[in-house]
Amino acid sequence: MGINDDTDVDFFLLLDNILAEQVHNLPSCPVLKDFQETVERRSVDSLLFLLEDGSREVLQMSVGLLFYTLRKNITEAVDPSPPGEKTRKLILYASHDTTLIPLMVALGTFDRKWPPYAADVTLELYQHQQSKEWFVRMSYHGEERVVKGCRAGLCPLQEFLQVLSQYSVSPEEYNSLCSQMDGNQQTDS
């Protein structure tokens, strides 16, 4: 790429620029275009390094509050209280690519490719009409994914909630974990 060995390179910034230029049909630096695959691979590797290859605590810090909220909203949708209360039909969250990756790592569905612009994760809640059993389906960018711990794309609710519970943290737990992580960084220095 023509970068000196002693020069710091922010691969996240480079990839963000490359992808934004492509999506908005802006002129792009030919050298960056030639190295797009390398920049993407380095960005993925760097983020996975920061996530400590799926470290529970790091994933809890990354997506724990989101998983806590998902669990809460799914549980309320399945068993509204008070009974008869209207439940929401749609809940929409927005995030960045750097949030989608830890989410997919935690769910065991990350394919080691940077999410494309406007990628989406869809979680659908279904109830079987006859058995009344609940299921969750996850799709990423329009394609069904099998969540780790689930046998198929249509995952029994309890199995899905079990996966979420591995990384789910309440706001209080998050603050406590954050304080512990801060303490670890101070003693490591």
N, C-alpha and C. Protein backbone atom coordinates (compact mmCIF):
# COMPACT_ATOMS: atom_id res chain seq x y z
N MET A 1 0.81 -1.19 0.00
CA MET A 1 0.00 0.00 0.00
C MET A 1 0.86 1.26 0.00
N GLY A 2 2.15 1.09 0.11
CA GLY A 2 3.03 2.25 0.08
C GLY A 2 3.09 2.99 1.41
N ILE A 3 2.85 2.28 2.52
CA ILE A 3 2.88 2.89 3.85
C ILE A 3 4.12 2.40 4.57
N ASN A 4 4.85 3.31 5.17
CA ASN A 4 6.06 2.94 5.91
C ASN A 4 5.72 2.04 7.09
N ASP A 5 6.68 1.19 7.47
CA ASP A 5 6.48 0.27 8.58
C ASP A 5 6.22 0.98 9.90
N ASP A 6 6.78 2.18 10.07
CA ASP A 6 6.63 2.88 11.35
C ASP A 6 5.42 3.81 11.38
N THR A 7 4.57 3.75 10.35
CA THR A 7 3.38 4.60 10.28
C THR A 7 2.18 3.84 10.84
N ASP A 8 1.46 4.49 11.76
CA ASP A 8 0.22 3.90 12.28
C ASP A 8 -0.87 3.98 11.21
N VAL A 9 -1.62 2.90 11.07
CA VAL A 9 -2.69 2.86 10.08
C VAL A 9 -3.99 2.52 10.79
N ASP A 10 -5.00 3.34 10.59
CA ASP A 10 -6.32 3.08 11.14
C ASP A 10 -7.14 2.38 10.06
N PHE A 11 -7.15 1.04 10.10
CA PHE A 11 -7.84 0.27 9.08
C PHE A 11 -9.35 0.49 9.13
N PHE A 12 -9.90 0.75 10.32
CA PHE A 12 -11.33 1.03 10.43
C PHE A 12 -11.69 2.28 9.64
N LEU A 13 -10.88 3.32 9.80
CA LEU A 13 -11.11 4.58 9.10
C LEU A 13 -10.96 4.40 7.58
N LEU A 14 -9.92 3.68 7.19
CA LEU A 14 -9.73 3.42 5.76
C LEU A 14 -10.92 2.66 5.17
N LEU A 15 -11.35 1.61 5.85
CA LEU A 15 -12.47 0.81 5.35
C LEU A 15 -13.75 1.64 5.31
N ASP A 16 -13.97 2.43 6.34
CA ASP A 16 -15.15 3.29 6.38
C ASP A 16 -15.17 4.24 5.18
N ASN A 17 -14.01 4.82 4.87
CA ASN A 17 -13.92 5.72 3.72
C ASN A 17 -14.16 4.98 2.40
N ILE A 18 -13.56 3.83 2.25
CA ILE A 18 -13.73 3.04 1.02
C ILE A 18 -15.21 2.71 0.81
N LEU A 19 -15.85 2.19 1.87
CA LEU A 19 -17.25 1.77 1.74
C LEU A 19 -18.17 2.96 1.50
N ALA A 20 -17.92 4.08 2.18
CA ALA A 20 -18.75 5.28 1.98
C ALA A 20 -18.62 5.80 0.55
N GLU A 21 -17.39 5.79 0.03
CA GLU A 21 -17.19 6.25 -1.36
C GLU A 21 -17.94 5.36 -2.34
N GLN A 22 -17.91 4.05 -2.11
CA GLN A 22 -18.60 3.12 -3.01
C GLN A 22 -20.11 3.32 -2.95
N VAL A 23 -20.66 3.39 -1.75
CA VAL A 23 -22.11 3.49 -1.57
C VAL A 23 -22.65 4.78 -2.16
N HIS A 24 -21.89 5.86 -2.05
CA HIS A 24 -22.35 7.16 -2.52
C HIS A 24 -21.82 7.52 -3.91
N ASN A 25 -21.24 6.53 -4.59
CA ASN A 25 -20.68 6.72 -5.94
C ASN A 25 -19.73 7.92 -6.01
N LEU A 26 -18.86 8.02 -5.04
CA LEU A 26 -17.86 9.08 -5.03
C LEU A 26 -16.57 8.56 -5.63
N PRO A 27 -15.76 9.45 -6.18
CA PRO A 27 -14.48 8.99 -6.71
C PRO A 27 -13.64 8.41 -5.57
N SER A 28 -12.92 7.37 -5.90
CA SER A 28 -12.14 6.66 -4.88
C SER A 28 -10.67 6.63 -5.26
N CYS A 29 -9.84 6.57 -4.25
CA CYS A 29 -8.41 6.44 -4.45
C CYS A 29 -8.11 5.06 -5.04
N PRO A 30 -7.50 4.99 -6.23
CA PRO A 30 -7.26 3.69 -6.86
C PRO A 30 -6.41 2.75 -6.00
N VAL A 31 -5.45 3.29 -5.26
CA VAL A 31 -4.61 2.45 -4.41
C VAL A 31 -5.45 1.79 -3.32
N LEU A 32 -6.34 2.58 -2.71
CA LEU A 32 -7.21 2.01 -1.66
C LEU A 32 -8.13 0.95 -2.24
N LYS A 33 -8.63 1.20 -3.44
CA LYS A 33 -9.51 0.22 -4.10
C LYS A 33 -8.78 -1.11 -4.29
N ASP A 34 -7.51 -1.02 -4.70
CA ASP A 34 -6.72 -2.23 -4.93
C ASP A 34 -6.49 -3.02 -3.64
N PHE A 35 -6.46 -2.32 -2.52
CA PHE A 35 -6.18 -2.96 -1.24
C PHE A 35 -7.42 -3.14 -0.37
N GLN A 36 -8.61 -3.01 -0.96
CA GLN A 36 -9.83 -3.09 -0.17
C GLN A 36 -9.95 -4.40 0.59
N GLU A 37 -9.67 -5.51 -0.07
CA GLU A 37 -9.76 -6.81 0.60
C GLU A 37 -8.82 -6.88 1.80
N THR A 38 -7.61 -6.40 1.62
CA THR A 38 -6.62 -6.40 2.71
C THR A 38 -7.08 -5.51 3.85
N VAL A 39 -7.58 -4.32 3.52
CA VAL A 39 -8.06 -3.38 4.54
C VAL A 39 -9.23 -4.00 5.31
N GLU A 40 -10.14 -4.65 4.60
CA GLU A 40 -11.28 -5.30 5.26
C GLU A 40 -10.82 -6.43 6.17
N ARG A 41 -9.91 -7.25 5.67
CA ARG A 41 -9.39 -8.37 6.47
C ARG A 41 -8.70 -7.88 7.73
N ARG A 42 -7.89 -6.82 7.59
CA ARG A 42 -7.19 -6.24 8.74
C ARG A 42 -8.19 -5.63 9.74
N SER A 43 -9.25 -5.01 9.22
CA SER A 43 -10.27 -4.42 10.10
C SER A 43 -10.98 -5.51 10.89
N VAL A 44 -11.36 -6.58 10.22
CA VAL A 44 -12.02 -7.70 10.90
C VAL A 44 -11.08 -8.30 11.94
N ASP A 45 -9.83 -8.56 11.55
CA ASP A 45 -8.86 -9.14 12.48
C ASP A 45 -8.65 -8.23 13.69
N SER A 46 -8.58 -6.92 13.44
CA SER A 46 -8.37 -5.97 14.54
C SER A 46 -9.56 -5.97 15.49
N LEU A 47 -10.77 -5.98 14.95
CA LEU A 47 -11.94 -5.96 15.82
C LEU A 47 -12.05 -7.27 16.59
N LEU A 48 -11.76 -8.39 15.94
CA LEU A 48 -11.79 -9.68 16.65
C LEU A 48 -10.71 -9.72 17.74
N PHE A 49 -9.57 -9.09 17.49
CA PHE A 49 -8.53 -9.00 18.51
C PHE A 49 -9.05 -8.20 19.70
N LEU A 50 -9.71 -7.06 19.42
CA LEU A 50 -10.27 -6.24 20.49
C LEU A 50 -11.35 -6.99 21.27
N LEU A 51 -12.08 -7.84 20.58
CA LEU A 51 -13.12 -8.66 21.22
C LEU A 51 -12.52 -9.88 21.93
N GLU A 52 -11.21 -9.98 21.86
CA GLU A 52 -10.47 -11.09 22.49
C GLU A 52 -11.05 -12.45 22.07
N ASP A 53 -11.30 -12.57 20.77
CA ASP A 53 -11.83 -13.81 20.20
C ASP A 53 -13.02 -14.37 20.98
N GLY A 54 -13.96 -13.49 21.28
CA GLY A 54 -15.20 -13.94 21.91
C GLY A 54 -15.16 -13.99 23.42
N SER A 55 -14.27 -13.26 24.05
CA SER A 55 -14.21 -13.19 25.51
C SER A 55 -15.58 -12.80 26.05
N ARG A 56 -16.07 -13.53 27.02
CA ARG A 56 -17.41 -13.28 27.56
C ARG A 56 -17.53 -11.85 28.10
N GLU A 57 -16.54 -11.41 28.88
CA GLU A 57 -16.62 -10.08 29.48
C GLU A 57 -16.60 -8.98 28.42
N VAL A 58 -15.76 -9.13 27.42
CA VAL A 58 -15.68 -8.11 26.37
C VAL A 58 -16.97 -8.08 25.57
N LEU A 59 -17.54 -9.25 25.26
CA LEU A 59 -18.82 -9.27 24.55
C LEU A 59 -19.94 -8.72 25.42
N GLN A 60 -19.88 -8.96 26.72
CA GLN A 60 -20.88 -8.36 27.61
C GLN A 60 -20.79 -6.83 27.57
N MET A 61 -19.57 -6.31 27.52
CA MET A 61 -19.39 -4.86 27.44
C MET A 61 -19.87 -4.34 26.08
N SER A 62 -19.75 -5.14 25.04
CA SER A 62 -20.12 -4.71 23.69
C SER A 62 -21.61 -4.80 23.43
N VAL A 63 -22.23 -5.92 23.81
CA VAL A 63 -23.64 -6.14 23.46
C VAL A 63 -24.50 -6.56 24.64
N GLY A 64 -23.95 -6.56 25.82
CA GLY A 64 -24.68 -7.02 27.00
C GLY A 64 -25.96 -6.25 27.29
N LEU A 65 -25.88 -4.91 27.19
CA LEU A 65 -27.08 -4.10 27.43
C LEU A 65 -28.13 -4.32 26.35
N LEU A 66 -27.68 -4.46 25.11
CA LEU A 66 -28.62 -4.75 24.02
C LEU A 66 -29.29 -6.10 24.24
N PHE A 67 -28.51 -7.13 24.60
CA PHE A 67 -29.10 -8.45 24.83
C PHE A 67 -30.07 -8.42 26.02
N TYR A 68 -29.75 -7.65 27.05
CA TYR A 68 -30.64 -7.49 28.19
C TYR A 68 -31.98 -6.90 27.73
N THR A 69 -31.91 -5.87 26.90
CA THR A 69 -33.11 -5.22 26.38
C THR A 69 -33.89 -6.17 25.46
N LEU A 70 -33.18 -6.91 24.61
CA LEU A 70 -33.85 -7.88 23.73
C LEU A 70 -34.59 -8.94 24.54
N ARG A 71 -33.90 -9.49 25.55
CA ARG A 71 -34.52 -10.51 26.42
C ARG A 71 -35.79 -9.96 27.07
N LYS A 72 -35.67 -8.75 27.60
CA LYS A 72 -36.80 -8.10 28.29
C LYS A 72 -37.96 -7.90 27.32
N ASN A 73 -37.69 -7.37 26.14
CA ASN A 73 -38.76 -7.09 25.17
C ASN A 73 -39.38 -8.38 24.63
N ILE A 74 -38.58 -9.39 24.39
CA ILE A 74 -39.12 -10.67 23.90
C ILE A 74 -39.98 -11.31 24.97
N THR A 75 -39.48 -11.31 26.20
CA THR A 75 -40.23 -11.91 27.31
C THR A 75 -41.56 -11.19 27.52
N GLU A 76 -41.55 -9.86 27.44
CA GLU A 76 -42.79 -9.10 27.58
C GLU A 76 -43.76 -9.36 26.42
N ALA A 77 -43.23 -9.57 25.24
CA ALA A 77 -44.09 -9.85 24.09
C ALA A 77 -44.76 -11.22 24.22
N VAL A 78 -44.05 -12.17 24.78
CA VAL A 78 -44.57 -13.53 24.93
C VAL A 78 -45.56 -13.62 26.09
N ASP A 79 -45.25 -12.89 27.15
CA ASP A 79 -46.08 -12.96 28.36
C ASP A 79 -46.35 -11.55 28.86
N PRO A 80 -47.26 -10.83 28.18
CA PRO A 80 -47.49 -9.44 28.58
C PRO A 80 -48.12 -9.36 29.97
N SER A 81 -47.67 -8.35 30.71
CA SER A 81 -48.33 -8.14 31.98
C SER A 81 -48.65 -6.66 32.08
N PRO A 82 -49.83 -6.31 32.36
CA PRO A 82 -50.93 -7.22 32.70
C PRO A 82 -51.44 -7.96 31.46
N PRO A 83 -52.01 -9.16 31.67
CA PRO A 83 -52.55 -9.92 30.54
C PRO A 83 -53.58 -9.09 29.77
N GLY A 84 -53.58 -9.27 28.47
CA GLY A 84 -54.51 -8.53 27.62
C GLY A 84 -53.95 -7.20 27.16
N GLU A 85 -52.84 -6.79 27.74
CA GLU A 85 -52.21 -5.54 27.31
C GLU A 85 -51.69 -5.71 25.89
N LYS A 86 -51.88 -4.69 25.08
CA LYS A 86 -51.39 -4.76 23.70
C LYS A 86 -49.86 -4.76 23.70
N THR A 87 -49.30 -5.70 22.96
CA THR A 87 -47.84 -5.74 22.85
C THR A 87 -47.43 -5.10 21.54
N ARG A 88 -46.22 -4.61 21.53
CA ARG A 88 -45.70 -4.00 20.30
C ARG A 88 -45.52 -5.05 19.23
N LYS A 89 -45.80 -4.67 18.01
CA LYS A 89 -45.62 -5.59 16.88
C LYS A 89 -44.23 -5.44 16.27
N LEU A 90 -43.61 -4.29 16.49
CA LEU A 90 -42.30 -4.04 15.90
C LEU A 90 -41.47 -3.19 16.86
N ILE A 91 -40.25 -3.61 17.07
CA ILE A 91 -39.28 -2.82 17.83
C ILE A 91 -38.06 -2.70 16.93
N LEU A 92 -37.60 -1.48 16.74
CA LEU A 92 -36.51 -1.23 15.81
C LEU A 92 -35.33 -0.61 16.55
N TYR A 93 -34.15 -1.16 16.34
CA TYR A 93 -32.91 -0.63 16.91
C TYR A 93 -32.00 -0.28 15.75
N ALA A 94 -31.20 0.73 15.92
CA ALA A 94 -30.21 1.09 14.90
C ALA A 94 -28.83 1.04 15.54
N SER A 95 -27.86 0.60 14.76
CA SER A 95 -26.49 0.53 15.28
C SER A 95 -25.50 0.66 14.12
N HIS A 96 -24.25 0.60 14.48
CA HIS A 96 -23.18 0.68 13.50
C HIS A 96 -22.64 -0.72 13.22
N ASP A 97 -21.84 -0.80 12.18
CA ASP A 97 -21.20 -2.07 11.82
C ASP A 97 -20.36 -2.62 12.96
N THR A 98 -19.75 -1.73 13.74
CA THR A 98 -18.90 -2.16 14.85
C THR A 98 -19.72 -2.70 16.02
N THR A 99 -21.04 -2.57 15.98
CA THR A 99 -21.92 -3.21 16.95
C THR A 99 -22.47 -4.52 16.38
N LEU A 100 -22.72 -4.54 15.08
CA LEU A 100 -23.23 -5.77 14.46
C LEU A 100 -22.24 -6.93 14.59
N ILE A 101 -20.96 -6.62 14.46
CA ILE A 101 -19.95 -7.69 14.51
C ILE A 101 -19.95 -8.37 15.88
N PRO A 102 -19.83 -7.65 17.01
CA PRO A 102 -19.88 -8.36 18.30
C PRO A 102 -21.22 -9.06 18.53
N LEU A 103 -22.31 -8.48 18.04
CA LEU A 103 -23.61 -9.14 18.16
C LEU A 103 -23.57 -10.50 17.46
N MET A 104 -23.04 -10.51 16.24
CA MET A 104 -22.99 -11.77 15.48
C MET A 104 -21.97 -12.74 16.06
N VAL A 105 -20.87 -12.22 16.62
CA VAL A 105 -19.90 -13.10 17.28
C VAL A 105 -20.59 -13.78 18.46
N ALA A 106 -21.31 -13.01 19.28
CA ALA A 106 -21.98 -13.57 20.44
C ALA A 106 -23.05 -14.59 20.05
N LEU A 107 -23.72 -14.36 18.92
CA LEU A 107 -24.75 -15.30 18.46
C LEU A 107 -24.18 -16.45 17.63
N GLY A 108 -22.86 -16.41 17.41
CA GLY A 108 -22.21 -17.50 16.67
C GLY A 108 -22.51 -17.48 15.18
N THR A 109 -22.82 -16.31 14.63
CA THR A 109 -23.18 -16.23 13.21
C THR A 109 -22.24 -15.35 12.39
N PHE A 110 -21.14 -14.90 12.99
CA PHE A 110 -20.25 -14.00 12.26
C PHE A 110 -19.45 -14.78 11.23
N ASP A 111 -19.43 -14.27 9.98
CA ASP A 111 -18.77 -14.97 8.87
C ASP A 111 -17.39 -14.38 8.54
N ARG A 112 -16.85 -13.56 9.43
CA ARG A 112 -15.54 -12.93 9.27
C ARG A 112 -15.48 -11.97 8.07
N LYS A 113 -16.65 -11.44 7.69
CA LYS A 113 -16.72 -10.42 6.64
C LYS A 113 -17.33 -9.17 7.24
N TRP A 114 -16.76 -8.02 6.88
CA TRP A 114 -17.29 -6.76 7.40
C TRP A 114 -18.71 -6.56 6.88
N PRO A 115 -19.63 -6.14 7.76
CA PRO A 115 -21.01 -5.93 7.29
C PRO A 115 -21.09 -4.88 6.19
N PRO A 116 -21.85 -5.15 5.15
CA PRO A 116 -22.01 -4.15 4.09
C PRO A 116 -22.81 -2.95 4.60
N TYR A 117 -22.74 -1.88 3.85
CA TYR A 117 -23.48 -0.68 4.19
C TYR A 117 -24.96 -1.02 4.33
N ALA A 118 -25.59 -0.52 5.39
CA ALA A 118 -27.01 -0.72 5.67
C ALA A 118 -27.37 -2.18 5.93
N ALA A 119 -26.40 -2.98 6.39
CA ALA A 119 -26.70 -4.37 6.75
C ALA A 119 -27.67 -4.37 7.92
N ASP A 120 -28.44 -5.43 8.03
CA ASP A 120 -29.41 -5.49 9.11
C ASP A 120 -29.46 -6.88 9.71
N VAL A 121 -29.80 -6.93 10.97
CA VAL A 121 -30.10 -8.17 11.68
C VAL A 121 -31.57 -8.08 12.04
N THR A 122 -32.32 -9.10 11.68
CA THR A 122 -33.74 -9.14 11.98
C THR A 122 -34.01 -10.33 12.89
N LEU A 123 -34.69 -10.06 13.99
CA LEU A 123 -35.13 -11.13 14.88
C LEU A 123 -36.66 -11.14 14.82
N GLU A 124 -37.20 -12.29 14.47
CA GLU A 124 -38.65 -12.44 14.36
C GLU A 124 -39.13 -13.43 15.40
N LEU A 125 -40.22 -13.09 16.05
CA LEU A 125 -40.81 -13.94 17.08
C LEU A 125 -42.07 -14.58 16.51
N TYR A 126 -42.13 -15.90 16.58
CA TYR A 126 -43.26 -16.65 16.04
C TYR A 126 -43.89 -17.52 17.13
N GLN A 127 -45.20 -17.71 17.01
CA GLN A 127 -45.88 -18.66 17.88
C GLN A 127 -46.59 -19.69 17.02
N HIS A 128 -46.31 -20.96 17.30
CA HIS A 128 -46.97 -22.04 16.59
C HIS A 128 -48.46 -22.01 16.93
N GLN A 129 -49.30 -22.05 15.89
CA GLN A 129 -50.75 -21.89 16.12
C GLN A 129 -51.35 -23.03 16.94
N GLN A 130 -50.86 -24.24 16.74
CA GLN A 130 -51.46 -25.36 17.46
C GLN A 130 -50.80 -25.61 18.81
N SER A 131 -49.48 -25.68 18.84
CA SER A 131 -48.80 -26.02 20.09
C SER A 131 -48.62 -24.80 21.00
N LYS A 132 -48.76 -23.60 20.43
CA LYS A 132 -48.57 -22.33 21.15
C LYS A 132 -47.12 -22.13 21.60
N GLU A 133 -46.22 -22.98 21.08
CA GLU A 133 -44.80 -22.83 21.41
C GLU A 133 -44.22 -21.63 20.65
N TRP A 134 -43.28 -20.93 21.28
CA TRP A 134 -42.66 -19.74 20.68
C TRP A 134 -41.32 -20.08 20.06
N PHE A 135 -40.99 -19.36 18.96
CA PHE A 135 -39.74 -19.54 18.24
C PHE A 135 -39.18 -18.17 17.84
N VAL A 136 -37.86 -18.13 17.63
CA VAL A 136 -37.19 -16.93 17.15
C VAL A 136 -36.44 -17.29 15.88
N ARG A 137 -36.51 -16.42 14.90
CA ARG A 137 -35.74 -16.58 13.67
C ARG A 137 -34.83 -15.36 13.52
N MET A 138 -33.57 -15.63 13.20
CA MET A 138 -32.62 -14.54 12.96
C MET A 138 -32.25 -14.52 11.49
N SER A 139 -32.28 -13.32 10.92
CA SER A 139 -31.80 -13.13 9.55
C SER A 139 -30.75 -12.03 9.58
N TYR A 140 -29.74 -12.20 8.76
CA TYR A 140 -28.71 -11.17 8.60
C TYR A 140 -28.67 -10.79 7.13
N HIS A 141 -28.92 -9.54 6.88
CA HIS A 141 -28.90 -9.02 5.52
C HIS A 141 -29.79 -9.85 4.60
N GLY A 142 -30.96 -10.24 5.14
CA GLY A 142 -31.96 -10.97 4.36
C GLY A 142 -31.80 -12.47 4.32
N GLU A 143 -30.73 -13.01 4.92
CA GLU A 143 -30.51 -14.46 4.89
C GLU A 143 -30.65 -15.05 6.29
N GLU A 144 -31.43 -16.13 6.40
CA GLU A 144 -31.61 -16.78 7.68
C GLU A 144 -30.28 -17.32 8.20
N ARG A 145 -30.05 -17.16 9.48
CA ARG A 145 -28.84 -17.67 10.14
C ARG A 145 -29.25 -18.58 11.29
N VAL A 146 -28.44 -19.59 11.55
CA VAL A 146 -28.68 -20.48 12.68
C VAL A 146 -27.83 -19.98 13.84
N VAL A 147 -28.48 -19.59 14.91
CA VAL A 147 -27.82 -19.09 16.10
C VAL A 147 -27.18 -20.26 16.83
N LYS A 148 -25.95 -20.04 17.36
CA LYS A 148 -25.29 -21.12 18.10
C LYS A 148 -26.18 -21.57 19.25
N GLY A 149 -26.21 -22.87 19.47
CA GLY A 149 -27.08 -23.42 20.50
C GLY A 149 -28.47 -23.76 20.00
N CYS A 150 -28.76 -23.38 18.76
CA CYS A 150 -30.06 -23.69 18.16
C CYS A 150 -29.84 -24.76 17.08
N ARG A 151 -30.83 -25.60 16.91
CA ARG A 151 -30.70 -26.69 15.94
C ARG A 151 -31.03 -26.26 14.52
N ALA A 152 -31.82 -25.19 14.39
CA ALA A 152 -32.25 -24.76 13.05
C ALA A 152 -32.48 -23.25 13.08
N GLY A 153 -32.80 -22.71 11.91
CA GLY A 153 -33.06 -21.28 11.81
C GLY A 153 -34.23 -20.83 12.66
N LEU A 154 -35.25 -21.66 12.75
CA LEU A 154 -36.38 -21.39 13.62
C LEU A 154 -36.06 -22.00 14.97
N CYS A 155 -35.62 -21.16 15.90
CA CYS A 155 -35.06 -21.61 17.17
C CYS A 155 -36.11 -21.53 18.28
N PRO A 156 -36.28 -22.61 19.05
CA PRO A 156 -37.19 -22.54 20.19
C PRO A 156 -36.80 -21.37 21.10
N LEU A 157 -37.79 -20.64 21.56
CA LEU A 157 -37.55 -19.43 22.33
C LEU A 157 -36.61 -19.65 23.50
N GLN A 158 -36.80 -20.70 24.27
CA GLN A 158 -35.96 -20.92 25.45
C GLN A 158 -34.50 -21.12 25.07
N GLU A 159 -34.25 -21.80 23.95
CA GLU A 159 -32.86 -21.97 23.49
C GLU A 159 -32.26 -20.62 23.09
N PHE A 160 -33.04 -19.79 22.42
CA PHE A 160 -32.57 -18.48 22.01
C PHE A 160 -32.29 -17.60 23.22
N LEU A 161 -33.22 -17.59 24.18
CA LEU A 161 -33.02 -16.79 25.38
C LEU A 161 -31.81 -17.26 26.17
N GLN A 162 -31.51 -18.56 26.12
CA GLN A 162 -30.32 -19.09 26.79
C GLN A 162 -29.05 -18.52 26.16
N VAL A 163 -29.04 -18.41 24.84
CA VAL A 163 -27.89 -17.81 24.14
C VAL A 163 -27.74 -16.35 24.56
N LEU A 164 -28.84 -15.60 24.57
CA LEU A 164 -28.78 -14.19 24.98
C LEU A 164 -28.30 -14.05 26.42
N SER A 165 -28.73 -14.96 27.29
CA SER A 165 -28.41 -14.84 28.72
C SER A 165 -26.91 -14.99 28.99
N GLN A 166 -26.18 -15.64 28.09
CA GLN A 166 -24.74 -15.80 28.28
C GLN A 166 -24.01 -14.46 28.29
N TYR A 167 -24.57 -13.47 27.58
CA TYR A 167 -23.90 -12.17 27.45
C TYR A 167 -24.74 -11.02 27.98
N SER A 168 -25.99 -11.27 28.32
CA SER A 168 -26.90 -10.23 28.78
C SER A 168 -26.45 -9.69 30.14
N VAL A 169 -26.41 -8.36 30.26
CA VAL A 169 -26.13 -7.73 31.55
C VAL A 169 -27.09 -6.56 31.76
N SER A 170 -27.56 -6.44 32.99
CA SER A 170 -28.44 -5.32 33.35
C SER A 170 -27.59 -4.05 33.41
N PRO A 171 -28.22 -2.88 33.43
CA PRO A 171 -27.44 -1.65 33.56
C PRO A 171 -26.54 -1.65 34.80
N GLU A 172 -27.03 -2.19 35.90
CA GLU A 172 -26.23 -2.25 37.12
C GLU A 172 -25.03 -3.18 36.94
N GLU A 173 -25.27 -4.35 36.35
CA GLU A 173 -24.18 -5.29 36.10
C GLU A 173 -23.16 -4.70 35.12
N TYR A 174 -23.66 -3.97 34.13
CA TYR A 174 -22.78 -3.33 33.16
C TYR A 174 -21.86 -2.32 33.85
N ASN A 175 -22.44 -1.48 34.72
CA ASN A 175 -21.63 -0.50 35.44
C ASN A 175 -20.59 -1.17 36.32
N SER A 176 -20.97 -2.26 36.96
CA SER A 176 -20.03 -3.00 37.80
C SER A 176 -18.91 -3.61 36.95
N LEU A 177 -19.29 -4.22 35.83
CA LEU A 177 -18.30 -4.82 34.93
C LEU A 177 -17.36 -3.75 34.37
N CYS A 178 -17.95 -2.61 34.03
CA CYS A 178 -17.16 -1.50 33.49
C CYS A 178 -16.13 -1.03 34.53
N SER A 179 -16.55 -0.94 35.79
CA SER A 179 -15.64 -0.54 36.86
C SER A 179 -14.52 -1.55 37.03
N GLN A 180 -14.85 -2.84 36.92
CA GLN A 180 -13.84 -3.89 37.04
C GLN A 180 -12.84 -3.79 35.90
N MET A 181 -13.35 -3.55 34.69
CA MET A 181 -12.47 -3.45 33.51
C MET A 181 -11.56 -2.23 33.66
N ASP A 182 -12.11 -1.10 34.16
CA ASP A 182 -11.29 0.10 34.39
C ASP A 182 -10.18 -0.21 35.40
N GLY A 183 -10.55 -0.91 36.46
CA GLY A 183 -9.56 -1.29 37.49
C GLY A 183 -8.47 -2.18 36.92
N ASN A 184 -8.85 -3.10 36.04
CA ASN A 184 -7.86 -3.99 35.42
C ASN A 184 -6.89 -3.20 34.55
N GLN A 185 -7.40 -2.23 33.82
CA GLN A 185 -6.53 -1.42 32.96
C GLN A 185 -5.56 -0.60 33.78
N GLN A 186 -6.01 -0.08 34.93
CA GLN A 186 -5.14 0.73 35.76
C GLN A 186 -4.04 -0.10 36.39
N THR A 187 -4.36 -1.36 36.79
CA THR A 187 -3.34 -2.21 37.39
C THR A 187 -2.41 -2.81 36.36
N ASP A 188 -2.89 -2.92 35.09
CA ASP A 188 -2.05 -3.46 34.02
C ASP A 188 -0.99 -2.47 33.57
N SER A 189 -1.23 -1.17 33.81
CA SER A 189 -0.30 -0.14 33.30
C SER A 189 0.97 -0.07 34.07
